[in-house]
């Protein structure tokens, strides 16, 4: 018997296409090293006993629970492999999930939807900006939609896991809830909200514990509003899933006139798909349209109503989740991808058995690719793996061994770096996560030459000590700093090192780092009540996800047991 007999080759086309799309983007990531770009900071070992990982740090829980998830998986697998699983796995599941939403449509429609889902400006720009939790959440969206609109009713284990995947950061957690309510409100609003609250509980509860500092600089709104890309303008950029505030991460192809022409073709096909869905799948259309409308409104709000948004982020605790409005365009991705797929399905139905059939198939697959060719190969080579210099590993080793108590301070006291060993790619200072102790870094941002105030009170206190310049080592020790790490190969290093000219230096192998020990430091303590509250919170969230995983595995096992019986050949009785 040949091995391929009984294999449904048509069913294998979609996963193969999704894998090919993923590989086209992620091929450079197959090399060794870590991918470091803007907010995407990955370190060889993220310690689980750091309070900030669990939402008990002095700053807002922006990386809760994403840091905890990365640290937990990194304890079992190499950190670089964990990063690849998140990035490449998310791209593959995003494409596959979007195709599955159209599994009752023509194969070409499924492939077109899968292609557009990963091959668009939103994914490209968020990858370069390093917002990997956003990509993970986006990958969960089609699976969340699929189970909530299923004719057999939702599988709540899938709903729970999908919501948990969106809950890696506060913004994506809220977006996941909005999407779930938009498409699945008929299945029970209370149940959906309850599940979302449980899986999002770590950052919600931590945020409540930090409520006194949970406000954002209102000046940031003008700096984070939607931007025009090329000839698209602001509105056109948002509708085509672009418009990110950081114009440095915009793919070059978005600035070409050809991109506008291809965008108009894609828009025409989407309109055809929307009309078709209005006729034969109005329920799905309504849910996706509601979510997409919320996404586009939030994305444009910083531009159209900056005063209102400034009051929200400045006066409402947690209001900062709408600061970067274009991040909410994730809610528009499912609507546009599904509409494109349905439009391609409709167009092919009209072209069947005519001379236009083959061109229609080719165009449906190639036009989305042609719209953004430079997302390939790590977004045009912008996302290349790198390795940390030997001095970093040696510095971590000596800090782990030293008996000097206290936390770590990294200087120069700026948030971002562009190190030569990372090909000058800007990245949030990796030292904030690299060492095995709580590390104080500056959370004040600089956008287009304008500073945006941070929220961490401890970082502000440290900043005032450094700016004052008097008796810096002793005052830092009193603030709980026992180790100062100076990155000597970045701008401002010489000035940052001056106050520590007479301090005790710990020898470190390699170049690029200087480690200084300060005497008399007293480590910061964690309030026992806060620790108890977060322990209970994490336990409830973890138990919810564990029960959902068990339920999903049991369901999958049951389906596998039924399949052999369904395909078993019937016994024929001889007369």
Protein backbone atom coordinates (compact mmCIF):
# COMPACT_ATOMS: atom_id res chain seq x y z
CA UNK A 1 0.00 0.00 0.00
CA UNK A 2 1.36 3.41 -0.92
CA UNK A 3 1.70 5.77 2.05
CA UNK A 4 -0.30 8.59 0.46
CA UNK A 5 -3.45 6.54 -0.12
CA UNK A 6 -6.28 7.81 2.01
CA UNK A 7 -4.61 11.18 2.52
CA UNK A 8 -6.82 14.17 1.70
CA UNK A 9 -4.34 16.25 -0.25
CA UNK A 10 -6.80 19.14 -0.48
CA UNK A 11 -6.98 19.30 3.32
CA UNK A 12 -3.17 19.41 3.48
CA UNK A 13 -2.92 22.42 1.16
CA UNK A 14 -4.04 24.98 3.74
CA UNK A 15 -1.59 23.97 6.51
CA UNK A 16 1.22 23.72 3.95
CA UNK A 17 0.45 27.19 2.61
CA UNK A 18 0.32 28.62 6.15
CA UNK A 19 3.68 27.02 6.95
CA UNK A 20 5.15 28.46 3.74
CA UNK A 21 3.91 31.95 4.62
CA UNK A 22 5.40 31.64 8.09
CA UNK A 23 8.73 30.45 6.76
CA UNK A 24 8.86 33.27 4.20
CA UNK A 25 8.70 35.77 7.07
CA UNK A 26 10.65 33.85 9.69
CA UNK A 27 13.47 32.22 7.68
CA UNK A 28 16.23 34.36 9.32
CA UNK A 29 15.00 33.29 12.75
CA UNK A 30 16.17 29.75 12.11
CA UNK A 31 19.68 30.93 12.98
CA UNK A 32 20.94 30.90 16.56
CA UNK A 33 20.57 33.87 18.86
CA UNK A 34 17.84 36.12 20.23
CA UNK A 35 15.71 38.58 18.27
CA UNK A 36 15.90 42.01 19.91
CA UNK A 37 13.94 44.92 18.47
CA UNK A 38 12.39 47.87 20.30
CA UNK A 39 10.02 46.35 22.91
CA UNK A 40 10.97 42.75 22.11
CA UNK A 41 13.54 41.93 24.79
CA UNK A 42 14.51 38.29 25.20
CA UNK A 43 17.24 37.13 27.54
CA UNK A 44 18.89 33.71 27.96
CA UNK A 45 17.46 33.31 31.47
CA UNK A 46 14.66 35.35 33.01
CA UNK A 47 14.59 34.58 36.73
CA UNK A 48 11.30 33.43 38.22
CA UNK A 49 12.04 34.92 41.65
CA UNK A 50 12.06 38.52 40.43
CA UNK A 51 9.04 40.33 41.96
CA UNK A 52 8.26 42.37 38.85
CA UNK A 53 7.70 39.17 36.86
CA UNK A 54 4.69 38.46 39.07
CA UNK A 55 3.32 42.01 39.18
CA UNK A 56 4.97 42.95 42.49
CA UNK A 57 7.48 45.46 41.16
CA UNK A 58 7.43 49.19 41.74
CA UNK A 59 6.15 50.02 38.23
CA UNK A 60 2.96 49.28 36.34
CA UNK A 61 2.45 45.64 35.25
CA UNK A 62 2.99 46.29 31.53
CA UNK A 63 4.80 42.95 31.05
CA UNK A 64 2.40 40.91 33.22
CA UNK A 65 1.83 38.08 32.58
CA UNK A 66 3.97 37.88 29.43
CA UNK A 67 7.25 37.91 31.37
CA UNK A 68 6.01 35.19 33.71
CA UNK A 69 4.93 32.98 30.81
CA UNK A 70 8.28 33.46 29.05
CA UNK A 71 10.16 32.74 32.28
CA UNK A 72 8.15 29.59 33.04
CA UNK A 73 8.65 28.16 29.56
CA UNK A 74 12.29 29.28 29.60
CA UNK A 75 12.85 27.19 32.72
CA UNK A 76 12.05 24.07 30.67
CA UNK A 77 13.26 25.02 27.19
CA UNK A 78 16.04 27.23 25.77
CA UNK A 79 14.86 30.83 25.78
CA UNK A 80 15.69 31.31 22.09
CA UNK A 81 13.50 28.31 21.23
CA UNK A 82 10.66 29.69 23.33
CA UNK A 83 10.88 32.97 21.42
CA UNK A 84 10.69 31.12 18.08
CA UNK A 85 7.70 29.10 19.29
CA UNK A 86 5.84 32.27 20.19
CA UNK A 87 6.68 34.17 17.00
CA UNK A 88 6.57 31.45 14.37
CA UNK A 89 3.80 29.50 16.08
CA UNK A 90 1.65 32.63 16.25
CA UNK A 91 2.10 33.44 12.56
CA UNK A 92 1.22 29.88 11.57
CA UNK A 93 -1.83 29.66 13.86
CA UNK A 94 -3.03 33.09 12.73
CA UNK A 95 -2.99 32.04 9.07
CA UNK A 96 -4.47 28.60 9.76
CA UNK A 97 -7.18 29.94 12.06
CA UNK A 98 -8.29 32.55 9.54
CA UNK A 99 -8.47 29.91 6.81
CA UNK A 100 -10.58 27.66 9.07
CA UNK A 101 -13.15 30.43 9.46
CA UNK A 102 -13.76 29.97 5.72
CA UNK A 103 -13.55 26.19 5.60
CA UNK A 104 -16.98 26.06 3.94
CA UNK A 105 -15.81 28.40 1.19
CA UNK A 106 -13.61 27.66 -1.81
CA UNK A 107 -10.01 26.68 -1.13
CA UNK A 108 -8.75 29.81 -2.89
CA UNK A 109 -10.81 31.96 -0.52
CA UNK A 110 -9.27 30.17 2.47
CA UNK A 111 -5.74 30.72 1.15
CA UNK A 112 -6.42 34.39 0.40
CA UNK A 113 -7.72 34.99 3.93
CA UNK A 114 -4.75 33.14 5.45
CA UNK A 115 -2.31 35.18 3.38
CA UNK A 116 -3.79 38.56 4.24
CA UNK A 117 -4.00 37.66 7.95
CA UNK A 118 -0.21 37.48 8.29
CA UNK A 119 0.90 39.49 5.26
CA UNK A 120 -0.25 42.97 6.23
CA UNK A 121 1.22 46.21 7.64
CA UNK A 122 -0.15 45.63 11.13
CA UNK A 123 1.76 42.38 11.58
CA UNK A 124 4.92 43.76 9.97
CA UNK A 125 5.01 46.92 12.06
CA UNK A 126 4.16 45.24 15.36
CA UNK A 127 6.83 42.61 14.74
CA UNK A 128 9.51 45.26 14.20
CA UNK A 129 8.25 47.26 17.17
CA UNK A 130 8.68 44.07 19.19
CA UNK A 131 5.13 43.76 20.52
CA UNK A 132 5.07 39.98 20.47
CA UNK A 133 2.10 39.64 22.87
CA UNK A 134 0.04 41.51 20.27
CA UNK A 135 1.00 38.94 17.62
CA UNK A 136 0.09 36.08 19.99
CA UNK A 137 -3.27 37.70 20.72
CA UNK A 138 -3.92 38.23 17.02
CA UNK A 139 -3.22 34.53 16.42
CA UNK A 140 -5.84 33.64 19.04
CA UNK A 141 -8.54 35.83 17.47
CA UNK A 142 -9.70 33.50 14.64
CA UNK A 143 -9.87 30.49 16.98
CA UNK A 144 -11.87 32.50 19.47
CA UNK A 145 -14.21 33.64 16.71
CA UNK A 146 -14.53 30.16 15.24
CA UNK A 147 -15.65 28.47 18.43
CA UNK A 148 -18.01 31.29 19.47
CA UNK A 149 -19.88 31.26 16.13
CA UNK A 150 -19.94 27.48 15.79
CA UNK A 151 -23.36 26.05 15.01
CA UNK A 152 -22.78 23.35 17.63
CA UNK A 153 -22.19 25.98 20.31
CA UNK A 154 -18.85 27.15 21.71
CA UNK A 155 -16.31 24.80 23.22
CA UNK A 156 -15.58 26.67 26.40
CA UNK A 157 -12.16 25.10 26.84
CA UNK A 158 -11.15 26.67 23.51
CA UNK A 159 -12.72 29.98 24.51
CA UNK A 160 -10.75 29.97 27.77
CA UNK A 161 -7.41 29.14 26.15
CA UNK A 162 -7.94 31.69 23.37
CA UNK A 163 -8.81 34.38 25.91
CA UNK A 164 -5.73 33.39 27.93
CA UNK A 165 -3.57 33.85 24.81
CA UNK A 166 -4.94 37.37 24.41
CA UNK A 167 -4.30 38.09 28.11
CA UNK A 168 -0.50 38.31 27.87
CA UNK A 169 -0.72 42.08 28.20
CA UNK A 170 -3.39 44.49 29.48
CA UNK A 171 -4.24 45.99 26.07
CA UNK A 172 -4.55 42.66 24.27
CA UNK A 173 -6.55 41.22 27.17
CA UNK A 174 -9.15 43.97 26.80
CA UNK A 175 -9.18 43.53 23.02
CA UNK A 176 -9.78 39.80 23.44
CA UNK A 177 -12.78 40.49 25.66
CA UNK A 178 -14.17 43.07 23.21
CA UNK A 179 -13.88 40.61 20.33
CA UNK A 180 -15.45 37.78 22.33
CA UNK A 181 -18.43 39.93 23.30
CA UNK A 182 -18.84 41.26 19.75
CA UNK A 183 -19.05 37.84 18.10
CA UNK A 184 -20.30 35.66 20.95
CA UNK A 185 -22.60 37.77 23.12
CA UNK A 186 -25.49 35.39 22.38
CA UNK A 187 -23.61 32.63 24.19
CA UNK A 188 -23.75 34.48 27.49
CA UNK A 189 -22.15 37.79 28.32
CA UNK A 190 -21.70 36.93 31.99
CA UNK A 191 -19.85 33.70 31.23
CA UNK A 192 -17.54 35.35 28.72
CA UNK A 193 -16.75 38.24 31.05
CA UNK A 194 -16.17 35.83 33.94
CA UNK A 195 -13.70 33.71 31.99
CA UNK A 196 -11.92 36.80 30.69
CA UNK A 197 -11.66 38.19 34.22
CA UNK A 198 -10.09 34.98 35.50
CA UNK A 199 -7.41 34.66 32.82
CA UNK A 200 -6.67 38.41 32.89
CA UNK A 201 -6.64 38.52 36.68
CA UNK A 202 -2.82 38.79 37.14
CA UNK A 203 -2.50 42.14 35.42
CA UNK A 204 -5.91 43.37 36.63
CA UNK A 205 -5.14 42.73 40.30
CA UNK A 206 -1.57 43.98 40.00
CA UNK A 207 -2.92 47.09 38.31
CA UNK A 208 -5.31 47.65 41.20
CA UNK A 209 -2.40 47.34 43.64
CA UNK A 210 -0.62 50.03 41.59
CA UNK A 211 -3.72 52.17 41.07
CA UNK A 212 -2.08 55.24 42.57
CA UNK A 213 0.41 55.40 39.66
CA UNK A 214 -1.83 53.96 36.91
CA UNK A 215 -2.06 57.18 34.95
CA UNK A 216 -0.19 58.16 31.81
CA UNK A 217 1.36 61.42 30.64
CA UNK A 218 -1.40 63.15 28.58
CA UNK A 219 1.26 64.64 26.30
CA UNK A 220 1.82 61.17 24.89
CA UNK A 221 -1.50 61.19 23.02
CA UNK A 222 -0.30 63.59 20.33
CA UNK A 223 2.86 61.54 19.88
CA UNK A 224 1.07 58.20 19.57
CA UNK A 225 -1.75 59.15 17.20
CA UNK A 226 -2.24 57.58 13.78
CA UNK A 227 0.27 58.64 11.11
CA UNK A 228 -0.02 58.74 7.35
CA UNK A 229 2.06 56.27 5.36
CA UNK A 230 3.04 57.32 1.86
CA UNK A 231 0.01 58.41 -0.18
CA UNK A 232 -2.52 56.65 2.05
CA UNK A 233 -3.10 59.55 4.42
CA UNK A 234 -4.08 58.96 8.03
CA UNK A 235 -7.50 57.47 7.41
CA UNK A 236 -6.30 55.32 4.52
CA UNK A 237 -3.34 54.11 6.56
CA UNK A 238 -5.61 53.01 9.41
CA UNK A 239 -8.11 51.30 7.10
CA UNK A 240 -5.26 49.38 5.48
CA UNK A 241 -3.97 48.30 8.93
CA UNK A 242 -1.06 50.73 9.10
CA UNK A 243 -0.56 54.20 10.54
CA UNK A 244 1.71 53.24 13.43
CA UNK A 245 3.12 56.17 15.44
CA UNK A 246 6.74 55.06 15.02
CA UNK A 247 7.42 55.79 11.36
CA UNK A 248 10.85 54.13 11.59
CA UNK A 249 9.25 50.66 11.59
CA UNK A 250 7.05 51.27 8.51
CA UNK A 251 7.99 48.96 5.60
CA UNK A 252 9.41 50.84 2.63
CA UNK A 253 6.83 49.42 0.22
CA UNK A 254 4.07 51.26 2.12
CA UNK A 255 5.45 54.59 0.86
CA UNK A 256 5.14 53.65 -2.83
CA UNK A 257 2.23 54.66 -5.06
CA UNK A 258 1.94 51.02 -6.16
CA UNK A 259 0.91 50.11 -2.62
CA UNK A 260 -2.11 52.43 -2.91
CA UNK A 261 -3.17 50.87 -6.22
CA UNK A 262 -2.90 47.35 -4.83
CA UNK A 263 -4.74 48.51 -1.72
CA UNK A 264 -7.64 49.69 -3.88
CA UNK A 265 -7.82 46.27 -5.56
CA UNK A 266 -7.86 44.52 -2.19
CA UNK A 267 -10.53 46.93 -0.94
CA UNK A 268 -12.73 46.17 -3.97
CA UNK A 269 -12.50 42.43 -3.30
CA UNK A 270 -13.31 43.02 0.37
CA UNK A 271 -16.42 44.98 -0.58
CA UNK A 272 -17.56 42.05 -2.70
CA UNK A 273 -16.96 39.78 0.28
CA UNK A 274 -18.90 42.04 2.63
CA UNK A 275 -21.88 42.06 0.26
CA UNK A 276 -21.76 38.27 0.01
CA UNK A 277 -21.61 37.89 3.79
CA UNK A 278 -24.55 40.27 4.18
CA UNK A 279 -26.53 37.83 2.09
CA UNK A 280 -25.47 34.48 3.51
CA UNK A 281 -23.60 34.96 6.82
CA UNK A 282 -25.02 38.07 8.45
CA UNK A 283 -24.41 36.89 12.01
CA UNK A 284 -20.64 36.50 11.53
CA UNK A 285 -20.48 39.75 9.59
CA UNK A 286 -22.25 41.62 12.39
CA UNK A 287 -19.83 40.41 15.07
CA UNK A 288 -16.70 41.08 13.02
CA UNK A 289 -17.98 44.47 11.92
CA UNK A 290 -18.75 45.51 15.51
CA UNK A 291 -15.24 44.56 16.66
CA UNK A 292 -13.64 46.21 13.63
CA UNK A 293 -15.62 49.41 14.20
CA UNK A 294 -14.38 49.62 17.78
CA UNK A 295 -10.82 49.07 16.59
CA UNK A 296 -10.93 51.81 13.96
CA UNK A 297 -12.65 54.28 16.31
CA UNK A 298 -9.98 53.84 19.00
CA UNK A 299 -7.22 53.99 16.38
CA UNK A 300 -8.45 57.34 15.08
CA UNK A 301 -9.45 58.85 18.41
CA UNK A 302 -6.01 60.23 19.28
CA UNK A 303 -6.06 62.14 15.98
CA UNK A 304 -9.70 63.24 15.87
CA UNK A 305 -10.30 63.79 19.59
CA UNK A 306 -6.90 64.24 21.25
CA UNK A 307 -8.27 66.30 24.14
CA UNK A 308 -10.74 63.60 25.15
CA UNK A 309 -8.14 60.83 24.91
CA UNK A 310 -5.65 62.95 26.88
CA UNK A 311 -8.16 63.31 29.71
CA UNK A 312 -8.79 59.55 29.69
CA UNK A 313 -5.12 58.57 29.89
CA UNK A 314 -4.31 61.32 32.36
CA UNK A 315 -7.25 61.01 34.75
CA UNK A 316 -8.59 57.45 34.48
CA UNK A 317 -6.48 54.71 36.12
CA UNK A 318 -5.52 52.26 33.38
CA UNK A 319 -6.62 54.67 30.66
CA UNK A 320 -3.20 54.34 29.08
CA UNK A 321 -4.40 51.26 27.19
CA UNK A 322 -5.82 53.61 24.53
CA UNK A 323 -2.66 55.72 24.27
CA UNK A 324 -1.34 53.79 21.27
CA UNK A 325 -4.66 53.72 19.43
CA UNK A 326 -3.35 52.01 16.29
CA UNK A 327 -2.63 48.91 18.34
CA UNK A 328 -6.43 48.42 18.43
CA UNK A 329 -6.45 47.87 14.67
CA UNK A 330 -5.94 44.21 15.57
CA UNK A 331 -9.73 44.11 15.93
CA UNK A 332 -10.05 45.08 12.25
CA UNK A 333 -7.80 42.30 10.96
CA UNK A 334 -10.39 39.45 11.19
CA UNK A 335 -13.05 41.47 9.34
CA UNK A 336 -10.74 42.42 6.48
CA UNK A 337 -9.15 38.97 6.16
CA UNK A 338 -12.51 37.17 6.13
CA UNK A 339 -14.00 39.73 3.73
CA UNK A 340 -11.07 39.28 1.34
CA UNK A 341 -11.41 35.50 1.48
CA UNK A 342 -15.15 35.58 0.86
CA UNK A 343 -14.63 38.12 -1.93
CA UNK A 344 -12.09 35.82 -3.60
CA UNK A 345 -14.55 32.92 -3.20
CA UNK A 346 -17.30 34.96 -4.89
CA UNK A 347 -15.05 36.19 -7.69
CA UNK A 348 -13.89 32.66 -8.43
CA UNK A 349 -17.50 31.46 -8.52
CA UNK A 350 -18.22 34.00 -11.24
CA UNK A 351 -15.06 33.08 -13.16
CA UNK A 352 -15.52 29.30 -13.07
CA UNK A 353 -15.34 27.59 -16.45
CA UNK A 354 -14.27 30.81 -18.17
CA UNK A 355 -10.94 32.12 -19.37
CA UNK A 356 -10.77 34.20 -16.16
CA UNK A 357 -10.69 31.23 -13.80
CA UNK A 358 -6.92 30.71 -13.66
CA UNK A 359 -6.06 34.45 -13.56
CA UNK A 360 -8.55 34.90 -10.72
CA UNK A 361 -6.88 32.14 -8.69
CA UNK A 362 -3.41 33.55 -9.33
CA UNK A 363 -4.43 37.09 -8.46
CA UNK A 364 -6.24 36.01 -5.28
CA UNK A 365 -3.01 34.46 -4.01
CA UNK A 366 -0.44 36.93 -5.30
CA UNK A 367 -2.05 40.35 -4.86
CA UNK A 368 -1.93 40.22 -1.01
CA UNK A 369 1.74 39.23 -1.26
CA UNK A 370 2.51 42.02 -3.73
CA UNK A 371 0.94 44.58 -1.41
CA UNK A 372 3.76 44.16 1.13
CA UNK A 373 6.73 42.26 -0.33
CA UNK A 374 9.17 43.52 2.30
CA UNK A 375 7.53 41.67 5.16
CA UNK A 376 9.43 38.65 3.87
CA UNK A 377 12.79 37.60 5.33
CA UNK A 378 12.29 39.04 8.80
CA UNK A 379 10.51 42.18 7.57
CA UNK A 380 13.17 43.06 5.06
CA UNK A 381 16.04 41.90 7.28
CA UNK A 382 15.09 44.14 10.22
CA UNK A 383 14.62 41.19 12.56
CA UNK A 384 17.89 39.29 12.65
CA UNK A 385 19.00 37.10 15.60
CA UNK A 386 21.92 38.31 17.67
CA UNK A 387 24.00 36.99 20.56
CA UNK A 388 24.86 38.75 23.79
CA UNK A 389 28.53 39.66 24.30
CA UNK A 390 30.55 37.48 26.65
CA UNK A 391 30.79 40.34 29.15
CA UNK A 392 27.05 40.16 29.78
CA UNK A 393 27.10 36.51 30.79
CA UNK A 394 30.19 37.07 32.94
CA UNK A 395 28.56 40.08 34.62
CA UNK A 396 25.50 38.01 35.46
CA UNK A 397 27.75 35.31 36.91
CA UNK A 398 29.67 37.68 39.19
CA UNK A 399 26.49 39.46 40.31
CA UNK A 400 24.96 36.11 41.23
CA UNK A 401 28.05 35.20 43.26
CA UNK A 402 28.69 38.49 45.04
CA UNK A 403 27.57 38.85 48.64
CA UNK A 404 26.74 42.52 48.14
CA UNK A 405 23.02 42.94 48.88
CA UNK A 406 20.63 45.22 47.03
CA UNK A 407 19.06 45.64 43.63
CA UNK A 408 20.73 46.46 40.31
CA UNK A 409 20.79 49.87 38.62
CA UNK A 410 21.71 50.10 34.94
CA UNK A 411 23.39 53.21 33.56
CA UNK A 412 23.23 55.37 31.49
CA UNK A 413 19.73 55.95 32.84
CA UNK A 414 17.83 55.82 29.54
CA UNK A 415 15.18 53.35 28.44
CA UNK A 416 16.41 52.32 24.99
CA UNK A 417 19.74 51.27 23.54
CA UNK A 418 21.07 50.77 20.00
CA UNK A 419 24.12 48.55 20.67
CA UNK A 420 26.61 47.71 17.97
CA UNK A 421 26.32 44.00 18.81
CA UNK A 422 22.61 44.24 17.82
CA UNK A 423 23.40 45.91 14.49
CA UNK A 424 22.38 49.27 15.99
CA UNK A 425 18.75 48.17 16.14
CA UNK A 426 16.97 50.13 18.91
CA UNK A 427 15.83 47.94 21.79
CA UNK A 428 14.50 48.43 25.30
CA UNK A 429 17.59 47.96 27.44
CA UNK A 430 17.96 44.16 27.83
CA UNK A 431 19.84 44.67 31.10
CA UNK A 432 16.49 45.29 32.75
CA UNK A 433 15.75 41.56 32.44
CA UNK A 434 19.20 40.04 31.96
CA UNK A 435 20.46 39.91 35.55
CA UNK A 436 19.21 37.70 38.35
CA UNK A 437 18.08 40.54 40.60
CA UNK A 438 15.43 43.23 40.48
CA UNK A 439 16.82 45.82 38.10
CA UNK A 440 15.85 49.48 38.09
CA UNK A 441 15.67 51.07 34.65
CA UNK A 442 14.29 54.34 33.41
CA UNK A 443 10.68 54.08 32.11
CA UNK A 444 10.67 57.62 30.71
CA UNK A 445 10.33 57.48 26.92
CA UNK A 446 11.65 59.81 24.26
CA UNK A 447 9.40 60.03 21.19
CA UNK A 448 10.45 62.31 18.34
CA UNK A 449 12.73 64.20 20.70
CA UNK A 450 9.98 64.84 23.27
CA UNK A 451 10.08 63.13 26.68
CA UNK A 452 7.10 61.21 28.03
CA UNK A 453 7.05 60.91 31.79
CA UNK A 454 7.20 57.41 33.25
CA UNK A 455 5.02 56.01 36.03
CA UNK A 456 7.50 54.10 38.21
CA UNK A 457 8.01 56.16 41.43
CA UNK A 458 11.21 54.31 42.29
CA UNK A 459 12.71 55.08 38.89
CA UNK A 460 11.79 58.75 39.35
CA UNK A 461 13.52 58.80 42.74
CA UNK A 462 16.65 57.24 41.26
CA UNK A 463 16.53 59.75 38.41
CA UNK A 464 16.44 62.66 40.85
CA UNK A 465 19.46 61.29 42.73
CA UNK A 466 21.45 60.93 39.51
CA UNK A 467 20.43 64.37 38.26
CA UNK A 468 21.40 66.02 41.54
CA UNK A 469 24.89 64.49 41.34
CA UNK A 470 25.73 64.85 45.06
CA UNK A 471 26.87 61.86 47.09
CA UNK A 472 25.33 59.56 44.51
CA UNK A 473 26.71 56.16 45.67
CA UNK A 474 25.57 56.58 49.28
CA UNK A 475 22.13 57.87 48.33
CA UNK A 476 21.63 55.04 45.84
CA UNK A 477 22.53 52.51 48.52
CA UNK A 478 19.94 54.07 50.81
CA UNK A 479 17.44 53.65 47.94
CA UNK A 480 18.15 49.92 47.86
CA UNK A 481 20.72 49.82 45.04
CA UNK A 482 23.66 47.52 45.74
CA UNK A 483 25.00 46.91 42.22
CA UNK A 484 25.49 49.45 39.44
CA UNK A 485 26.04 48.14 35.92
CA UNK A 486 27.46 50.72 33.51
CA UNK A 487 27.21 49.95 29.80
CA UNK A 488 30.44 51.55 28.62
CA UNK A 489 29.81 51.21 24.88
CA UNK A 490 26.73 53.45 24.63
CA UNK A 491 26.38 57.26 24.48
CA UNK A 492 26.51 58.95 27.87
CA UNK A 493 28.51 56.19 29.55
CA UNK A 494 31.44 58.42 30.55
CA UNK A 495 29.22 60.95 32.31
CA UNK A 496 27.21 58.18 33.98
CA UNK A 497 30.40 56.61 35.40
CA UNK A 498 31.84 59.77 36.97
CA UNK A 499 30.02 59.55 40.36
CA UNK A 500 31.46 56.04 40.82
CA UNK A 501 35.12 56.80 40.19
CA UNK A 502 36.02 55.88 43.79
CA UNK A 503 33.55 52.98 44.16
CA UNK A 504 34.57 49.33 44.33
CA UNK A 505 34.59 47.72 40.88
CA UNK A 506 33.88 44.00 40.47
CA UNK A 507 36.08 42.54 37.70
CA UNK A 508 34.16 41.34 34.64
CA UNK A 509 35.59 39.45 31.69
CA UNK A 510 35.13 40.97 28.27
CA UNK A 511 34.38 44.56 27.33
CA UNK A 512 31.34 46.79 27.30
CA UNK A 513 30.28 46.53 30.95
CA UNK A 514 31.56 47.83 34.27
CA UNK A 515 30.07 46.45 37.49
CA UNK A 516 30.26 48.58 40.65
CA UNK A 517 29.37 47.42 44.17
CA UNK A 518 27.84 49.87 46.68
CA UNK A 519 28.12 49.28 50.40
CA UNK A 520 25.24 49.63 52.85
CA UNK A 521 22.35 48.82 50.50
CA UNK A 522 19.11 47.47 51.88
CA UNK A 523 17.03 45.52 49.36
CA UNK A 524 13.49 46.71 48.78
CA UNK A 525 10.88 44.53 50.47
CA UNK A 526 7.55 43.30 49.16
CA UNK A 527 4.43 43.89 51.21
CA UNK A 528 3.28 40.51 52.54
CA UNK A 529 -0.36 41.37 51.87
CA UNK A 530 0.37 42.18 48.23
CA UNK A 531 2.35 38.96 47.88
CA UNK A 532 -0.55 36.91 49.27
CA UNK A 533 -3.06 38.62 47.01
CA UNK A 534 -0.99 38.01 43.89
CA UNK A 535 -0.30 34.39 44.88
CA UNK A 536 -4.04 33.71 45.12
CA UNK A 537 -4.64 35.57 41.86
CA UNK A 538 -2.01 33.63 39.94
CA UNK A 539 -3.33 30.36 41.39
CA UNK A 540 -6.88 31.07 40.21
CA UNK A 541 -5.74 32.09 36.73
CA UNK A 542 -3.43 29.08 36.44
CA UNK A 543 -6.11 26.66 37.64
CA UNK A 544 -8.61 28.06 35.12
CA UNK A 545 -6.18 27.57 32.24
CA UNK A 546 -5.12 24.11 33.48
CA UNK A 547 -8.73 22.89 33.64
CA UNK A 548 -9.33 24.28 30.14
CA UNK A 549 -6.25 22.46 28.81
CA UNK A 550 -7.40 19.20 30.38
CA UNK A 551 -10.84 19.65 28.85
CA UNK A 552 -9.35 20.39 25.44
CA UNK A 553 -7.03 17.36 25.57
CA UNK A 554 -9.90 15.10 26.57
CA UNK A 555 -11.98 16.44 23.71
CA UNK A 556 -9.15 15.89 21.22
CA UNK A 557 -8.59 12.36 22.55
CA UNK A 558 -12.28 11.61 22.11
CA UNK A 559 -12.23 12.83 18.53
CA UNK A 560 -9.17 10.70 17.74
CA UNK A 561 -10.88 7.64 19.22
CA UNK A 562 -13.96 8.20 17.07
CA UNK A 563 -12.08 8.69 13.81
CA UNK A 564 -10.82 5.10 13.45
CA UNK A 565 -14.34 3.82 14.01
CA UNK A 566 -15.75 6.20 11.41
CA UNK A 567 -13.18 5.09 8.82
CA UNK A 568 -13.23 1.38 9.65
CA UNK A 569 -14.32 -0.63 6.54
CA UNK A 570 -17.67 -2.32 6.80
CA UNK A 571 -17.75 -6.09 7.18
CA UNK A 572 -19.27 -7.76 4.14
CA UNK A 573 -21.05 -11.04 4.82
CA UNK A 574 -20.68 -13.64 2.10
CA UNK A 575 -23.98 -15.18 0.99
